[in-house]
Amino acid sequence: MENRKNLFRNVLDSEMFGDENKQYYFDIKKGKNDAVFLQITNRNLTVADAYKRTHIILFEDDLAFFVEALTMLLGRHATGNLGASC
């Protein structure tokens, strides 16, 4: 139980969605140097009944740019204007 506590000690907030085969986690974490960052984790069940995890980390300074780019991309998708930024 103590190892699990230490594992989540630096998680400030978290959201997840998915099903039994694929999950996504959005964790706001605090690093050892007190820097705050977003870690997005994808966990997939493999054919061998093991989980494969991949992560992307976005530091606090980049979060506004990430949200803006994602908003622009999804806005183009919603209006059928994909490829408009190319």
Protein backbone atom coordinates (compact mmCIF):
# COMPACT_ATOMS: atom_id res chain seq x y z
CA MET A 1 0.00 0.00 0.00
CA GLU A 2 2.88 2.39 0.79
CA ASN A 3 4.34 1.93 -2.73
CA ARG A 4 0.99 2.92 -4.27
CA LYS A 5 0.90 6.06 -2.08
CA ASN A 6 4.37 7.07 -3.27
CA LEU A 7 3.39 6.42 -6.88
CA PHE A 8 0.61 9.02 -6.75
CA ARG A 9 2.28 11.45 -4.35
CA ASN A 10 3.12 13.99 -7.06
CA VAL A 11 -0.32 13.82 -8.78
CA LEU A 12 -2.23 17.04 -8.10
CA ASP A 13 -5.35 16.11 -10.09
CA SER A 14 -6.39 13.38 -12.51
CA GLU A 15 -9.06 12.38 -15.02
CA MET A 16 -9.40 9.15 -16.98
CA PHE A 17 -11.65 7.54 -19.55
CA GLY A 18 -11.72 4.35 -21.54
CA ASP A 19 -12.80 0.74 -21.34
CA GLU A 20 -11.21 -2.53 -20.25
CA ASN A 21 -8.88 -2.62 -23.28
CA LYS A 22 -7.82 1.01 -23.64
CA GLN A 23 -7.57 3.81 -21.09
CA TYR A 24 -6.44 7.44 -21.21
CA TYR A 25 -5.20 9.30 -18.14
CA PHE A 26 -4.75 13.06 -17.82
CA ASP A 27 -2.64 13.83 -14.76
CA ILE A 28 -1.52 17.22 -13.51
CA LYS A 29 1.72 16.50 -11.66
CA LYS A 30 4.38 18.37 -9.74
CA GLY A 31 7.99 17.52 -10.50
CA LYS A 32 10.88 17.30 -8.07
CA ASN A 33 11.83 20.87 -9.01
CA ASP A 34 8.23 22.00 -8.25
CA ALA A 35 7.46 22.46 -11.96
CA VAL A 36 3.85 21.64 -12.81
CA PHE A 37 3.17 19.56 -15.93
CA LEU A 38 0.43 17.60 -17.70
CA GLN A 39 1.12 13.94 -18.36
CA ILE A 40 -1.19 12.19 -20.84
CA THR A 41 -0.95 8.41 -20.65
CA ASN A 42 -2.45 5.86 -23.03
CA ARG A 43 -2.66 2.29 -21.76
CA ASN A 44 -3.57 -0.50 -24.20
CA LEU A 45 -4.11 -4.18 -23.56
CA THR A 46 -1.85 -6.15 -25.90
CA VAL A 47 -2.47 -9.53 -27.51
CA ALA A 48 -0.29 -11.11 -24.79
CA ASP A 49 -2.67 -9.78 -22.05
CA ALA A 50 -0.09 -7.23 -20.93
CA TYR A 51 -0.52 -3.47 -20.87
CA LYS A 52 1.59 -1.16 -23.02
CA ARG A 53 1.82 2.45 -21.82
CA THR A 54 2.85 5.54 -23.72
CA HIS A 55 3.17 9.03 -22.27
CA ILE A 56 3.36 12.59 -23.44
CA ILE A 57 4.44 15.34 -21.06
CA LEU A 58 3.52 18.98 -21.54
CA PHE A 59 5.11 21.52 -19.25
CA GLU A 60 3.12 24.37 -17.77
CA ASP A 61 4.69 26.93 -20.13
CA ASP A 62 3.41 24.98 -23.15
CA LEU A 63 -0.12 24.17 -21.95
CA ALA A 64 -1.77 27.30 -23.38
CA PHE A 65 -0.22 26.61 -26.81
CA PHE A 66 -1.33 22.97 -26.63
CA VAL A 67 -4.92 23.91 -25.75
CA GLU A 68 -5.02 26.56 -28.49
CA ALA A 69 -3.69 24.16 -31.15
CA LEU A 70 -6.09 21.40 -30.08
CA THR A 71 -9.03 23.84 -30.06
CA MET A 72 -8.15 25.07 -33.55
CA LEU A 73 -7.78 21.52 -34.89
CA LEU A 74 -11.06 20.30 -33.37
CA GLY A 75 -12.83 23.45 -34.57
CA ARG A 76 -11.72 22.74 -38.15
CA HIS A 77 -12.83 19.13 -37.76
CA ALA A 78 -16.27 20.17 -36.46
CA THR A 79 -16.81 22.56 -39.38
CA GLY A 80 -15.48 20.20 -42.05
CA ASN A 81 -12.46 22.37 -42.84
CA LEU A 82 -9.73 19.80 -42.29
CA GLY A 83 -6.47 20.64 -44.01
CA ALA A 84 -7.17 24.38 -43.88
CA SER A 85 -3.93 25.12 -42.01
CA CYS A 86 -1.65 23.35 -44.52
